[in-house]
Amino acid sequence: IGSSRLSSQDVQTDLVVRVAGAAFPLHKVSRLPPAGRSLQLLVCGYIRKAVAVATRPDPAATVEIELDGLPGGADAFEKAARYCYGANFEISARNAAALLCAAAFLDMQPADGGLARRVEEFLAQAGLRTLPNAIAVLRSCEGPLLTAAEELGVARRAADAVALRICNEVLFPTRSPPEWWASELAALSPVSFHRVFTALRCRRAGPEVLVAAATAYAELLLADGKASDHRALLESVVAVLPSADDAPLPAAFLCRLLHDAVTTEASAKTCRDLELRLAAVLDQATAGDLLAFAFDGAGERVINTESLRRVIAAFVERESGAGRNRRASLSGAAALGAGALQKVAKMVDEVAAEIATDESLPISKFVGVAGAVPKDARATHDCLYRAVDIYLKAHPELDEIEREKVCSVMDTLKLSYTARLHASQNKRLPLQAVLSALYYDQLKLRSAGVGHDDEDNDARSEAGSARMQAKADAALARENEALRSELARMRAHMSSGMQQSKGSGSRTAATAAVAGKKASFFGSMSRTLSRLNPFRAGGGWSKDTSSIRESRGGAMNVVKPKRRRSSIS
């Protein structure tokens, strides 16, 4: 454009305008045949004032004007000058905003409306009538033109036109696939996209429209971004994403963004924002989504355990706060919240089992991920036990204390019978974990509960524990009662033998000695077990115990001795 002459060749140049390094030799008045009418650049109020100041000493002198701050630069000035001199020029979606801003800067306000009126007519008839043109107008407002476009309201009008066309496409699709419009948004800068998103919210677009616009924009923009500016672009995109209340973004999409943020070492604010967004929809994620985020690009090394732990902790904190609020609400809502926490716990166990295979993974990072979910959030710890066993197998050099630290994330009492049986024979587990599994099985054996699923489930609840204790107490009571009965029969048998021994005079000395030894043995046993005798009175054996006999029904009857009268001699 630099030295192009827009003025008539018959009139000597008396005005030079320099715009962004480009020089335009012009003149103040021109007669352009065959139009036959006088046009002049002095219709611009800005230039007219500048020329008036510069020609005060010498009105015939050539005037030079610098317009470095002109919106739209040299291209916009050339078209404005062509309009002033009556030359042809083209108005398009790409230069309409610049021409409006240039006309306002140059103060081009003739009686017929001038250049601004012609640009407004173009915008109303074509510039903002279609989605591609509206996006082109909005895109032209970016960069150096942004401030002037905001002041004139051109950027706002273009963003609203884009939002309107998107809503119309959602209701009445004109192309295939129906969401073709989402790819058009990738041409916008983050600032312009934020304007469009705000306009969509003002037009009450549905959440599915907001989510489609946000995900498509971020994926397309980041895919085309260069490695050098990927970090800055990512931070800009995250800053304009919709809030979780307006449009909760898919968990898989957020995992990819968070992985890129950690890989490119994005700002702490960007990473924290993505972590909180992912925590809000963590129950919708899968183990594959989290693993794609936790591992590096090659899928060989774990790099994002700290971010993963913070995401899980934020989800647990959200659920804990929501759980407190649900206590006063319907039980169905509480069950729904508990189900989400259990789903995330199972997913975390699967992730922990996968990252446990990394031989370079420290104990603290494994425990941080596996222990981020409370122990009581899991109905069973079988999956967690599997993750612990995989980690111990991948790290055979750990000592006893380190293995105990690894096993601290699980509760052996919440393992199933099969898992406890495996744990009791697992040489990789520390001794304390093995003893815990064995001790629990001994308790189950004592209460005759091994191998029965219904009793195994009862033992996991307070009601079941009470029933198991009641069964154990009843068994002990039966044992004590049987012992008392055996003791009574033993004493009755001993008393009967002693009476027969006194009434017989033909027993030999050897037989008497053996009987004495037997009696001594039974007497010693009787004295030892006397504390368990339920019929003892007064701290010693009853004088009438020799007359105790067993009835047919098993009841014990006491026969009182006959009274004997003393004879009076």
Protein backbone atom coordinates (compact mmCIF):
# COMPACT_ATOMS: atom_id res chain seq x y z
CA ILE A 1 0.00 0.00 0.00
CA GLY A 2 2.91 2.26 1.09
CA SER A 3 3.27 4.79 -1.72
CA SER A 4 0.04 4.18 -3.60
CA ARG A 5 -1.61 7.39 -4.81
CA LEU A 6 -5.29 7.61 -4.09
CA SER A 7 -5.54 11.25 -5.18
CA SER A 8 -5.93 12.69 -8.68
CA GLN A 9 -2.82 12.80 -10.84
CA ASP A 10 -3.75 16.36 -11.98
CA VAL A 11 -3.45 17.90 -8.53
CA GLN A 12 -0.13 18.26 -6.71
CA THR A 13 0.20 16.26 -3.49
CA ASP A 14 -0.07 18.49 -0.44
CA LEU A 15 -0.81 15.89 2.28
CA VAL A 16 1.14 12.83 3.41
CA VAL A 17 -0.40 10.44 5.93
CA ARG A 18 1.80 7.82 7.62
CA VAL A 19 0.10 4.81 9.19
CA ALA A 20 2.11 2.00 10.82
CA GLY A 21 5.12 2.61 8.58
CA ALA A 22 3.13 3.03 5.37
CA ALA A 23 3.08 6.47 3.64
CA PHE A 24 0.06 7.73 1.70
CA PRO A 25 0.77 10.81 -0.54
CA LEU A 26 -2.59 12.55 -0.86
CA HIS A 27 -4.09 15.96 -1.44
CA LYS A 28 -6.70 17.93 0.33
CA VAL A 29 -9.05 18.47 -2.64
CA SER A 30 -9.53 16.31 -5.72
CA ARG A 31 -11.70 16.34 -8.83
CA LEU A 32 -12.14 12.83 -10.06
CA PRO A 33 -13.60 12.46 -13.54
CA PRO A 34 -16.00 11.16 -14.63
CA ALA A 35 -17.79 11.67 -11.31
CA GLY A 36 -17.45 15.43 -11.71
CA ARG A 37 -17.89 16.08 -8.03
CA SER A 38 -15.46 17.45 -5.48
CA LEU A 39 -14.39 15.08 -2.72
CA GLN A 40 -11.85 15.75 -0.06
CA LEU A 41 -10.15 13.88 2.73
CA LEU A 42 -10.98 16.74 5.03
CA VAL A 43 -14.39 15.21 5.67
CA CYS A 44 -12.49 13.38 8.46
CA GLY A 45 -12.69 15.57 11.51
CA TYR A 46 -9.42 14.22 12.93
CA ILE A 47 -7.41 15.05 9.78
CA ARG A 48 -9.15 18.38 9.33
CA LYS A 49 -8.06 19.52 12.78
CA ALA A 50 -4.52 18.25 12.24
CA VAL A 51 -4.23 20.07 8.90
CA ALA A 52 -5.60 23.28 10.40
CA VAL A 53 -2.94 23.25 13.10
CA ALA A 54 -0.09 22.41 10.69
CA THR A 55 -0.98 25.08 8.02
CA ARG A 56 -1.30 28.09 10.28
CA PRO A 57 2.16 29.45 9.42
CA ASP A 58 1.96 28.54 5.69
CA PRO A 59 -1.40 27.40 4.23
CA ALA A 60 0.29 26.19 1.03
CA ALA A 61 2.82 23.97 2.76
CA THR A 62 2.68 20.18 2.48
CA VAL A 63 1.32 18.58 5.65
CA GLU A 64 2.50 15.30 7.14
CA ILE A 65 0.33 13.46 9.67
CA GLU A 66 1.19 10.40 11.77
CA LEU A 67 -1.69 7.98 12.48
CA ASP A 68 0.08 5.15 14.24
CA GLY A 69 -2.82 4.65 16.65
CA LEU A 70 -5.45 4.16 13.94
CA PRO A 71 -7.56 1.01 14.58
CA GLY A 72 -7.21 -1.39 11.67
CA GLY A 73 -3.87 0.00 10.58
CA ALA A 74 -2.91 0.88 7.02
CA ASP A 75 -5.52 -1.35 5.38
CA ALA A 76 -8.39 0.36 7.19
CA PHE A 77 -7.01 3.81 6.34
CA GLU A 78 -6.62 2.95 2.66
CA LYS A 79 -10.29 1.94 2.41
CA ALA A 80 -11.36 5.03 4.35
CA ALA A 81 -9.36 7.21 1.95
CA ARG A 82 -10.88 5.44 -1.04
CA TYR A 83 -14.31 6.24 0.33
CA CYS A 84 -13.34 9.91 0.76
CA TYR A 85 -12.05 10.11 -2.84
CA GLY A 86 -14.93 8.12 -4.30
CA ALA A 87 -12.84 5.10 -5.29
CA ASN A 88 -14.15 1.55 -5.12
CA PHE A 89 -13.35 -0.68 -2.13
CA GLU A 90 -14.72 -3.89 -0.66
CA ILE A 91 -16.38 -4.38 2.71
CA SER A 92 -16.16 -7.92 4.05
CA ALA A 93 -16.68 -9.77 7.32
CA ARG A 94 -12.96 -9.57 7.96
CA ASN A 95 -12.61 -5.78 7.67
CA ALA A 96 -16.07 -4.51 8.68
CA ALA A 97 -15.16 -4.09 12.34
CA ALA A 98 -11.88 -2.37 11.46
CA LEU A 99 -13.67 0.08 9.13
CA LEU A 100 -16.19 0.96 11.83
CA CYS A 101 -13.42 1.59 14.34
CA ALA A 102 -11.38 3.60 11.80
CA ALA A 103 -14.40 5.74 10.90
CA ALA A 104 -14.99 6.47 14.57
CA PHE A 105 -11.28 7.28 15.13
CA LEU A 106 -11.12 9.64 12.10
CA ASP A 107 -14.41 11.26 13.11
CA MET A 108 -16.01 10.65 9.70
CA GLN A 109 -19.48 12.06 10.33
CA PRO A 110 -20.92 13.57 7.12
CA ALA A 111 -24.60 14.26 6.77
CA ASP A 112 -25.37 10.98 4.98
CA GLY A 113 -23.75 8.85 7.68
CA GLY A 114 -20.63 8.22 5.63
CA LEU A 115 -18.50 5.10 5.92
CA ALA A 116 -20.03 3.92 9.23
CA ARG A 117 -23.51 3.79 7.69
CA ARG A 118 -22.29 1.66 4.77
CA VAL A 119 -20.56 -0.79 7.14
CA GLU A 120 -23.65 -1.08 9.34
CA GLU A 121 -25.76 -1.89 6.28
CA PHE A 122 -23.33 -4.64 5.35
CA LEU A 123 -23.41 -6.15 8.85
CA ALA A 124 -27.19 -6.17 8.94
CA GLN A 125 -27.57 -7.71 5.49
CA ALA A 126 -24.68 -10.18 5.35
CA GLY A 127 -21.99 -9.78 8.01
CA LEU A 128 -23.97 -11.15 10.97
CA ARG A 129 -26.54 -13.22 9.13
CA THR A 130 -24.62 -16.50 9.05
CA LEU A 131 -22.49 -18.31 11.64
CA PRO A 132 -19.22 -18.33 9.64
CA ASN A 133 -19.53 -14.59 8.86
CA ALA A 134 -20.42 -13.73 12.45
CA ILE A 135 -17.40 -15.70 13.69
CA ALA A 136 -15.21 -13.91 11.13
CA VAL A 137 -16.45 -10.53 12.37
CA LEU A 138 -15.84 -11.53 15.98
CA ARG A 139 -12.41 -12.86 15.15
CA SER A 140 -11.50 -9.59 13.42
CA CYS A 141 -12.16 -7.79 16.71
CA GLU A 142 -9.26 -9.59 18.39
CA GLY A 143 -5.75 -8.29 18.85
CA PRO A 144 -5.00 -4.55 18.55
CA LEU A 145 -8.57 -3.82 17.52
CA LEU A 146 -10.09 -5.30 20.70
CA THR A 147 -10.23 -2.13 22.80
CA ALA A 148 -11.85 -0.02 20.08
CA ALA A 149 -14.26 -2.84 19.16
CA GLU A 150 -15.34 -3.15 22.78
CA GLU A 151 -15.97 0.58 23.05
CA LEU A 152 -18.15 0.57 19.94
CA GLY A 153 -19.93 -2.64 20.98
CA VAL A 154 -18.96 -4.46 17.78
CA ALA A 155 -17.45 -7.42 19.66
CA ARG A 156 -20.52 -7.82 21.83
CA ARG A 157 -22.87 -7.70 18.85
CA ALA A 158 -20.80 -10.25 16.94
CA ALA A 159 -20.66 -12.64 19.95
CA ASP A 160 -24.42 -12.38 20.40
CA ALA A 161 -24.91 -13.10 16.69
CA VAL A 162 -22.72 -16.21 17.00
CA ALA A 163 -24.73 -17.41 20.02
CA LEU A 164 -28.00 -16.82 18.19
CA ARG A 165 -26.87 -18.80 15.14
CA ILE A 166 -25.70 -21.68 17.37
CA CYS A 167 -29.06 -21.84 19.14
CA ASN A 168 -30.83 -21.87 15.80
CA GLU A 169 -28.60 -24.69 14.55
CA VAL A 170 -29.33 -26.72 17.67
CA LEU A 171 -33.07 -26.33 17.18
CA PHE A 172 -33.13 -26.52 13.38
CA PRO A 173 -29.94 -28.13 11.99
CA THR A 174 -29.03 -27.07 8.47
CA ARG A 175 -25.93 -29.25 8.03
CA SER A 176 -24.67 -32.69 8.92
CA PRO A 177 -23.40 -33.63 11.47
CA PRO A 178 -25.71 -31.58 13.71
CA GLU A 179 -22.84 -30.23 15.84
CA TRP A 180 -20.81 -28.92 12.92
CA TRP A 181 -20.98 -25.50 14.49
CA ALA A 182 -18.70 -26.59 17.37
CA SER A 183 -15.68 -26.86 15.07
CA GLU A 184 -16.23 -23.28 13.89
CA LEU A 185 -15.50 -21.99 17.37
CA ALA A 186 -11.88 -23.21 17.23
CA ALA A 187 -10.98 -20.12 15.18
CA LEU A 188 -11.73 -17.83 18.13
CA SER A 189 -9.32 -16.70 20.82
CA PRO A 190 -10.09 -17.62 24.45
CA VAL A 191 -11.35 -14.08 25.10
CA SER A 192 -13.75 -14.20 22.14
CA PHE A 193 -14.93 -17.69 23.08
CA HIS A 194 -15.71 -16.45 26.59
CA ARG A 195 -17.88 -13.74 25.03
CA VAL A 196 -19.76 -16.35 23.00
CA PHE A 197 -20.23 -18.57 26.02
CA THR A 198 -21.59 -15.66 28.03
CA ALA A 199 -23.99 -14.86 25.21
CA LEU A 200 -25.13 -18.52 25.14
CA ARG A 201 -25.89 -18.39 28.85
CA CYS A 202 -27.84 -15.15 28.38
CA ARG A 203 -29.91 -16.89 25.71
CA ARG A 204 -30.49 -19.78 28.16
CA ALA A 205 -28.84 -22.43 26.02
CA GLY A 206 -29.08 -25.96 27.43
CA PRO A 207 -26.20 -27.58 29.39
CA GLU A 208 -25.58 -30.01 26.53
CA VAL A 209 -24.97 -27.06 24.19
CA LEU A 210 -22.58 -25.42 26.65
CA VAL A 211 -20.67 -28.68 27.19
CA ALA A 212 -20.42 -29.38 23.45
CA ALA A 213 -19.15 -25.86 22.79
CA ALA A 214 -16.57 -25.96 25.59
CA THR A 215 -15.19 -29.44 24.88
CA ALA A 216 -15.03 -28.98 21.11
CA TYR A 217 -13.35 -25.59 21.46
CA ALA A 218 -10.73 -26.79 23.93
CA GLU A 219 -9.89 -30.01 22.07
CA LEU A 220 -9.60 -28.38 18.65
CA LEU A 221 -7.67 -25.37 19.90
CA LEU A 222 -5.18 -27.39 21.95
CA ALA A 223 -4.72 -29.93 19.18
CA ASP A 224 -3.66 -27.19 16.77
CA GLY A 225 -1.53 -25.34 19.30
CA LYS A 226 2.25 -25.32 18.89
CA ALA A 227 4.48 -26.86 21.55
CA SER A 228 6.05 -23.49 22.33
CA ASP A 229 2.80 -21.77 23.28
CA HIS A 230 0.83 -24.84 24.40
CA ARG A 231 1.17 -23.98 28.09
CA ALA A 232 -0.06 -20.40 27.69
CA LEU A 233 -2.87 -21.56 25.42
CA LEU A 234 -3.91 -24.23 27.91
CA GLU A 235 -4.02 -21.74 30.77
CA SER A 236 -6.11 -19.36 28.66
CA VAL A 237 -8.56 -22.12 27.72
CA VAL A 238 -8.98 -23.33 31.29
CA ALA A 239 -9.59 -19.76 32.46
CA VAL A 240 -12.66 -19.40 30.22
CA LEU A 241 -14.18 -22.87 30.71
CA PRO A 242 -17.71 -22.86 32.14
CA SER A 243 -18.19 -23.54 35.82
CA ALA A 244 -19.34 -26.95 37.06
CA ASP A 245 -22.73 -25.46 37.96
CA ASP A 246 -23.32 -24.14 34.43
CA ALA A 247 -21.99 -27.12 32.49
CA PRO A 248 -20.22 -30.03 34.23
CA LEU A 249 -17.63 -31.13 31.70
CA PRO A 250 -16.98 -34.85 31.01
CA ALA A 251 -14.53 -36.52 33.37
CA ALA A 252 -12.48 -38.02 30.52
CA PHE A 253 -12.07 -34.58 28.95
CA LEU A 254 -10.95 -33.06 32.26
CA CYS A 255 -8.46 -35.91 32.80
CA ARG A 256 -6.83 -35.11 29.45
CA LEU A 257 -6.65 -31.41 30.28
CA LEU A 258 -5.17 -32.11 33.71
CA HIS A 259 -2.61 -34.47 32.18
CA ASP A 260 -1.57 -31.73 29.72
CA ALA A 261 -1.43 -29.17 32.53
CA VAL A 262 0.90 -31.33 34.63
CA THR A 263 3.03 -32.30 31.63
CA THR A 264 3.50 -28.72 30.47
CA GLU A 265 4.02 -27.49 34.04
CA ALA A 266 1.09 -25.10 33.91
CA SER A 267 0.45 -22.68 36.73
CA ALA A 268 -0.70 -23.93 40.12
CA LYS A 269 -3.97 -22.02 39.70
CA THR A 270 -4.73 -23.83 36.42
CA CYS A 271 -3.92 -27.25 37.88
CA ARG A 272 -5.99 -26.61 41.00
CA ASP A 273 -8.94 -25.42 38.93
CA LEU A 274 -8.86 -28.61 36.86
CA GLU A 275 -8.50 -30.79 39.97
CA LEU A 276 -11.60 -29.29 41.55
CA ARG A 277 -13.56 -29.63 38.30
CA LEU A 278 -12.56 -33.30 38.04
CA ALA A 279 -13.40 -33.95 41.69
CA ALA A 280 -16.95 -32.69 41.07
CA VAL A 281 -17.57 -35.41 38.44
CA LEU A 282 -15.16 -38.11 39.66
CA ASP A 283 -17.96 -40.65 40.11
CA GLN A 284 -18.57 -40.41 36.34
CA ALA A 285 -14.97 -41.28 35.48
CA THR A 286 -13.53 -44.71 34.79
CA ALA A 287 -10.31 -46.35 35.91
CA GLY A 288 -9.00 -45.93 32.36
CA ASP A 289 -9.57 -42.17 32.53
CA LEU A 290 -7.60 -41.87 35.75
CA LEU A 291 -4.82 -44.15 34.49
CA ALA A 292 -4.48 -42.08 31.31
CA PHE A 293 -4.05 -39.09 33.56
CA ALA A 294 -1.72 -40.76 36.11
CA PHE A 295 0.79 -42.24 33.66
CA ASP A 296 3.07 -40.40 31.28
CA GLY A 297 2.46 -40.21 27.54
CA ALA A 298 4.16 -43.58 26.94
CA GLY A 299 2.13 -45.24 29.71
CA GLU A 300 5.26 -46.57 31.42
CA ARG A 301 5.90 -44.27 34.37
CA VAL A 302 3.56 -42.83 37.00
CA ILE A 303 3.91 -39.06 37.16
CA ASN A 304 0.65 -37.59 38.49
CA THR A 305 0.10 -39.34 41.82
CA GLU A 306 -0.01 -36.11 43.83
CA SER A 307 -2.65 -34.56 41.58
CA LEU A 308 -4.57 -37.84 41.62
CA ARG A 309 -4.49 -37.94 45.41
CA ARG A 310 -5.73 -34.34 45.65
CA VAL A 311 -8.58 -35.07 43.24
CA ILE A 312 -9.72 -38.09 45.27
CA ALA A 313 -9.39 -36.18 48.55
CA ALA A 314 -11.44 -33.30 47.14
CA PHE A 315 -14.16 -35.73 46.04
CA VAL A 316 -14.26 -37.39 49.47
CA GLU A 317 -14.49 -33.97 51.11
CA ARG A 318 -17.38 -33.00 48.84
CA GLU A 319 -19.19 -36.25 49.60
CA SER A 320 -18.60 -35.86 53.33
CA GLY A 321 -20.12 -32.38 53.28
CA ALA A 322 -23.00 -33.55 51.13
CA GLY A 323 -23.50 -36.53 53.42
CA ARG A 324 -23.94 -34.29 56.44
CA ASN A 325 -26.59 -32.36 54.56
CA ARG A 326 -28.32 -35.56 53.45
CA ARG A 327 -28.75 -36.91 56.96
CA ALA A 328 -31.80 -34.76 57.36
CA SER A 329 -33.13 -35.60 53.90
CA LEU A 330 -34.64 -38.70 52.32
CA SER A 331 -32.87 -42.02 52.73
CA GLY A 332 -32.80 -42.49 48.97
CA ALA A 333 -30.56 -39.46 48.52
CA ALA A 334 -28.22 -40.73 51.20
CA ALA A 335 -28.04 -44.11 49.50
CA LEU A 336 -27.23 -42.37 46.23
CA GLY A 337 -24.32 -40.51 47.84
CA ALA A 338 -23.02 -43.68 49.47
CA GLY A 339 -23.19 -45.45 46.12
CA ALA A 340 -21.08 -42.74 44.47
CA LEU A 341 -18.43 -43.03 47.19
CA GLN A 342 -18.33 -46.82 46.93
CA LYS A 343 -18.02 -46.58 43.14
CA VAL A 344 -15.08 -44.22 43.44
CA ALA A 345 -13.50 -46.46 46.10
CA LYS A 346 -13.66 -49.45 43.76
CA MET A 347 -12.21 -47.36 40.94
CA VAL A 348 -9.38 -46.14 43.16
CA ASP A 349 -8.56 -49.75 44.12
CA GLU A 350 -8.27 -50.63 40.44
CA VAL A 351 -6.03 -47.64 39.81
CA ALA A 352 -3.88 -48.51 42.83
CA ALA A 353 -3.44 -52.05 41.50
CA GLU A 354 -2.22 -50.67 38.18
CA ILE A 355 0.21 -48.10 39.52
CA ALA A 356 1.57 -50.67 42.01
CA THR A 357 3.44 -52.35 39.17
CA ASP A 358 5.76 -49.33 38.83
CA GLU A 359 8.98 -50.40 40.55
CA SER A 360 10.03 -46.77 41.08
CA LEU A 361 6.79 -45.81 42.86
CA PRO A 362 7.55 -44.82 46.50
CA ILE A 363 5.50 -46.21 49.36
CA SER A 364 4.23 -42.75 50.31
CA LYS A 365 2.71 -42.17 46.87
CA PHE A 366 1.08 -45.60 46.74
CA VAL A 367 -0.35 -45.18 50.24
CA GLY A 368 -1.44 -41.63 49.38
CA VAL A 369 -3.56 -42.81 46.45
CA ALA A 370 -4.88 -46.06 47.96
CA GLY A 371 -5.60 -44.46 51.32
CA ALA A 372 -7.27 -41.32 49.97
CA VAL A 373 -10.65 -43.06 50.30
CA PRO A 374 -11.68 -43.89 53.90
CA LYS A 375 -11.58 -47.56 54.86
CA ASP A 376 -15.23 -47.64 55.85
CA ALA A 377 -16.24 -46.48 52.35
CA ARG A 378 -15.50 -49.98 51.03
CA ALA A 379 -17.89 -52.86 51.67
CA THR A 380 -14.97 -55.27 51.26
CA HIS A 381 -11.22 -54.82 51.04
CA ASP A 382 -10.53 -57.65 48.59
CA CYS A 383 -9.63 -55.33 45.67
CA LEU A 384 -7.46 -53.23 47.95
CA TYR A 385 -5.72 -56.37 49.21
CA ARG A 386 -4.98 -57.28 45.60
CA ALA A 387 -3.36 -53.87 45.03
CA VAL A 388 -1.27 -54.25 48.19
CA ASP A 389 -0.15 -57.73 47.19
CA ILE A 390 0.86 -56.49 43.71
CA TYR A 391 2.89 -53.67 45.24
CA LEU A 392 4.66 -56.05 47.65
CA LYS A 393 5.41 -58.43 44.80
CA ALA A 394 6.86 -55.60 42.67
CA HIS A 395 8.97 -54.38 45.62
CA PRO A 396 10.46 -57.50 47.25
CA GLU A 397 13.26 -55.55 48.94
CA LEU A 398 10.97 -53.92 51.54
CA ASP A 399 11.62 -54.66 55.20
CA GLU A 400 9.00 -55.55 57.82
CA ILE A 401 8.23 -51.96 58.84
CA GLU A 402 7.86 -50.82 55.23
CA ARG A 403 5.54 -53.72 54.44
CA GLU A 404 3.43 -52.84 57.47
CA LYS A 405 3.16 -49.29 56.15
CA VAL A 406 1.96 -50.59 52.78
CA CYS A 407 -0.63 -52.82 54.49
CA SER A 408 -1.86 -49.97 56.69
CA VAL A 409 -4.30 -48.88 53.99
CA MET A 410 -6.43 -52.03 54.35
CA ASP A 411 -8.33 -53.78 57.12
CA THR A 412 -7.87 -57.54 57.25
CA LEU A 413 -11.14 -57.90 59.17
CA LYS A 414 -13.02 -56.65 56.07
CA LEU A 415 -11.61 -59.34 53.79
CA SER A 416 -13.78 -62.18 52.55
CA TYR A 417 -13.08 -65.71 53.77
CA THR A 418 -11.22 -66.58 50.56
CA ALA A 419 -9.08 -63.44 50.78
CA ARG A 420 -8.33 -64.07 54.47
CA LEU A 421 -7.32 -67.62 53.68
CA HIS A 422 -4.96 -66.32 50.99
CA ALA A 423 -3.61 -63.64 53.32
CA SER A 424 -2.92 -66.13 56.11
CA GLN A 425 -0.65 -68.06 53.72
CA ASN A 426 0.89 -65.04 51.97
CA LYS A 427 4.59 -64.84 52.80
CA ARG A 428 4.85 -61.34 51.34
CA LEU A 429 2.61 -59.87 54.02
CA PRO A 430 4.08 -58.68 57.32
CA LEU A 431 3.60 -60.88 60.35
CA GLN A 432 1.08 -58.55 61.94
CA ALA A 433 -1.27 -58.75 58.94
CA VAL A 434 -1.02 -62.55 58.84
CA LEU A 435 -1.76 -62.82 62.57
CA SER A 436 -4.76 -60.52 62.20
CA ALA A 437 -6.20 -62.76 59.49
CA LEU A 438 -5.54 -65.91 61.54
CA TYR A 439 -7.00 -64.41 64.71
CA TYR A 440 -10.20 -63.44 62.93
CA ASP A 441 -10.53 -66.94 61.52
CA GLN A 442 -10.09 -68.40 65.00
CA LEU A 443 -12.89 -66.22 66.24
CA LYS A 444 -15.04 -67.43 63.39
CA LEU A 445 -14.20 -71.05 64.19
CA ARG A 446 -15.06 -70.56 67.83
CA SER A 447 -18.45 -69.21 66.94
CA ALA A 448 -18.97 -71.91 64.26
CA GLY A 449 -19.22 -69.30 61.55
CA VAL A 450 -16.55 -70.37 59.06
CA GLY A 451 -17.72 -70.99 55.53
CA HIS A 452 -21.20 -69.52 55.96
CA ASP A 453 -21.82 -66.37 54.02
CA ASP A 454 -24.80 -65.33 56.12
CA GLU A 455 -22.78 -65.49 59.35
CA ASP A 456 -19.82 -63.83 57.64
CA ASN A 457 -22.06 -60.93 56.75
CA ASP A 458 -23.50 -60.84 60.27
CA ALA A 459 -20.01 -60.53 61.71
CA ARG A 460 -19.51 -57.35 59.73
CA SER A 461 -22.30 -55.57 61.51
CA GLU A 462 -22.98 -54.75 65.11
CA ALA A 463 -26.13 -56.87 65.15
CA GLY A 464 -24.22 -59.81 63.74
CA SER A 465 -21.46 -59.40 66.32
CA ALA A 466 -24.02 -59.44 69.11
CA ARG A 467 -25.59 -62.61 67.76
CA MET A 468 -22.20 -64.27 67.47
CA GLN A 469 -21.35 -63.34 71.06
CA ALA A 470 -24.70 -64.66 72.27
CA LYS A 471 -24.04 -67.97 70.53
CA ALA A 472 -20.62 -68.23 72.16
CA ASP A 473 -22.08 -67.47 75.61
CA ALA A 474 -24.79 -70.11 75.14
CA ALA A 475 -22.20 -72.71 74.15
CA LEU A 476 -20.13 -71.92 77.24
CA ALA A 477 -23.20 -72.19 79.48
CA ARG A 478 -24.00 -75.61 78.02
CA GLU A 479 -20.45 -76.77 78.72
CA ASN A 480 -20.67 -75.61 82.36
CA GLU A 481 -24.01 -77.33 82.87
CA ALA A 482 -22.67 -80.59 81.44
CA LEU A 483 -19.69 -80.37 83.80
CA ARG A 484 -21.92 -79.89 86.82
CA SER A 485 -24.03 -82.92 85.84
CA GLU A 486 -20.94 -85.07 85.41
CA LEU A 487 -19.65 -84.00 88.79
CA ALA A 488 -22.93 -84.93 90.49
CA ARG A 489 -22.96 -88.36 88.91
CA MET A 490 -19.37 -88.92 89.94
CA ARG A 491 -20.08 -88.08 93.59
CA ALA A 492 -23.16 -90.31 93.63
CA HIS A 493 -21.15 -93.22 92.27
CA MET A 494 -18.37 -92.66 94.80
CA SER A 495 -20.79 -92.55 97.75
CA SER A 496 -22.47 -95.80 96.67
CA GLY A 497 -19.12 -97.56 96.43
CA MET A 498 -18.05 -96.49 99.90
CA GLN A 499 -21.25 -97.85 101.52
CA GLN A 500 -20.81 -101.20 99.85
CA SER A 501 -17.25 -101.30 101.08
CA LYS A 502 -18.30 -100.85 104.74
CA GLY A 503 -20.95 -103.66 104.64
CA SER A 504 -18.64 -106.37 103.20
CA GLY A 505 -16.29 -108.28 105.53
CA SER A 506 -14.79 -110.74 103.07
CA ARG A 507 -12.65 -108.18 101.04
CA THR A 508 -8.95 -109.00 101.00
CA ALA A 509 -6.28 -106.66 102.20
CA ALA A 510 -4.99 -106.02 98.68
CA THR A 511 -8.45 -105.24 97.47
CA ALA A 512 -8.99 -102.92 100.38
CA ALA A 513 -5.74 -101.13 99.62
CA VAL A 514 -6.71 -100.61 95.97
CA ALA A 515 -10.14 -99.40 96.98
CA GLY A 516 -8.54 -97.02 99.43
CA LYS A 517 -6.34 -95.63 96.72
CA LYS A 518 -9.36 -95.18 94.43
CA ALA A 519 -11.31 -93.51 97.16
CA SER A 520 -8.36 -91.25 97.89
CA PHE A 521 -8.11 -90.35 94.18
CA PHE A 522 -11.83 -89.58 93.85
CA GLY A 523 -11.77 -87.61 97.06
CA SER A 524 -8.90 -85.51 95.85
CA MET A 525 -10.72 -84.85 92.58
CA SER A 526 -13.90 -84.00 94.43
CA ARG A 527 -12.11 -81.48 96.60
CA THR A 528 -10.47 -79.92 93.53
CA LEU A 529 -13.77 -79.55 91.67
CA SER A 530 -15.79 -78.62 94.72
CA ARG A 531 -15.79 -74.97 93.66
CA LEU A 532 -17.94 -75.87 90.64
CA ASN A 533 -20.50 -77.83 92.72
CA PRO A 534 -23.81 -76.00 92.47
CA PHE A 535 -25.17 -77.88 95.50
CA ARG A 536 -22.44 -76.83 97.92
CA ALA A 537 -23.67 -75.06 101.03
CA GLY A 538 -21.74 -73.39 103.80
CA GLY A 539 -18.35 -73.66 102.14
CA GLY A 540 -18.09 -77.52 102.34
CA TRP A 541 -19.77 -80.66 101.13
CA SER A 542 -23.30 -81.29 102.54
CA LYS A 543 -23.66 -83.97 105.14
CA ASP A 544 -26.45 -85.48 103.06
CA THR A 545 -24.48 -85.83 99.81
CA SER A 546 -24.03 -89.54 100.40
CA SER A 547 -27.77 -89.96 99.93
CA ILE A 548 -27.87 -88.08 96.55
CA ARG A 549 -29.25 -90.31 93.85
CA GLU A 550 -30.17 -89.88 90.25
CA SER A 551 -33.79 -90.13 89.21
CA ARG A 552 -34.96 -91.50 85.91
CA GLY A 553 -35.61 -88.04 84.50
CA GLY A 554 -32.10 -86.85 85.22
CA ALA A 555 -33.13 -84.63 88.18
CA MET A 556 -31.21 -84.75 91.38
CA ASN A 557 -33.15 -85.76 94.58
CA VAL A 558 -31.87 -85.55 98.14
CA VAL A 559 -33.02 -88.35 100.50
CA LYS A 560 -33.06 -87.23 104.10
CA PRO A 561 -31.71 -89.76 106.69
CA LYS A 562 -34.13 -91.46 109.08
CA ARG A 563 -34.40 -90.10 112.60
CA ARG A 564 -33.40 -92.52 115.30
CA ARG A 565 -34.81 -92.31 118.84
CA SER A 566 -32.48 -92.83 121.73
CA SER A 567 -33.60 -95.63 124.05
CA ILE A 568 -34.04 -94.84 127.69
CA SER A 569 -32.55 -97.48 129.82
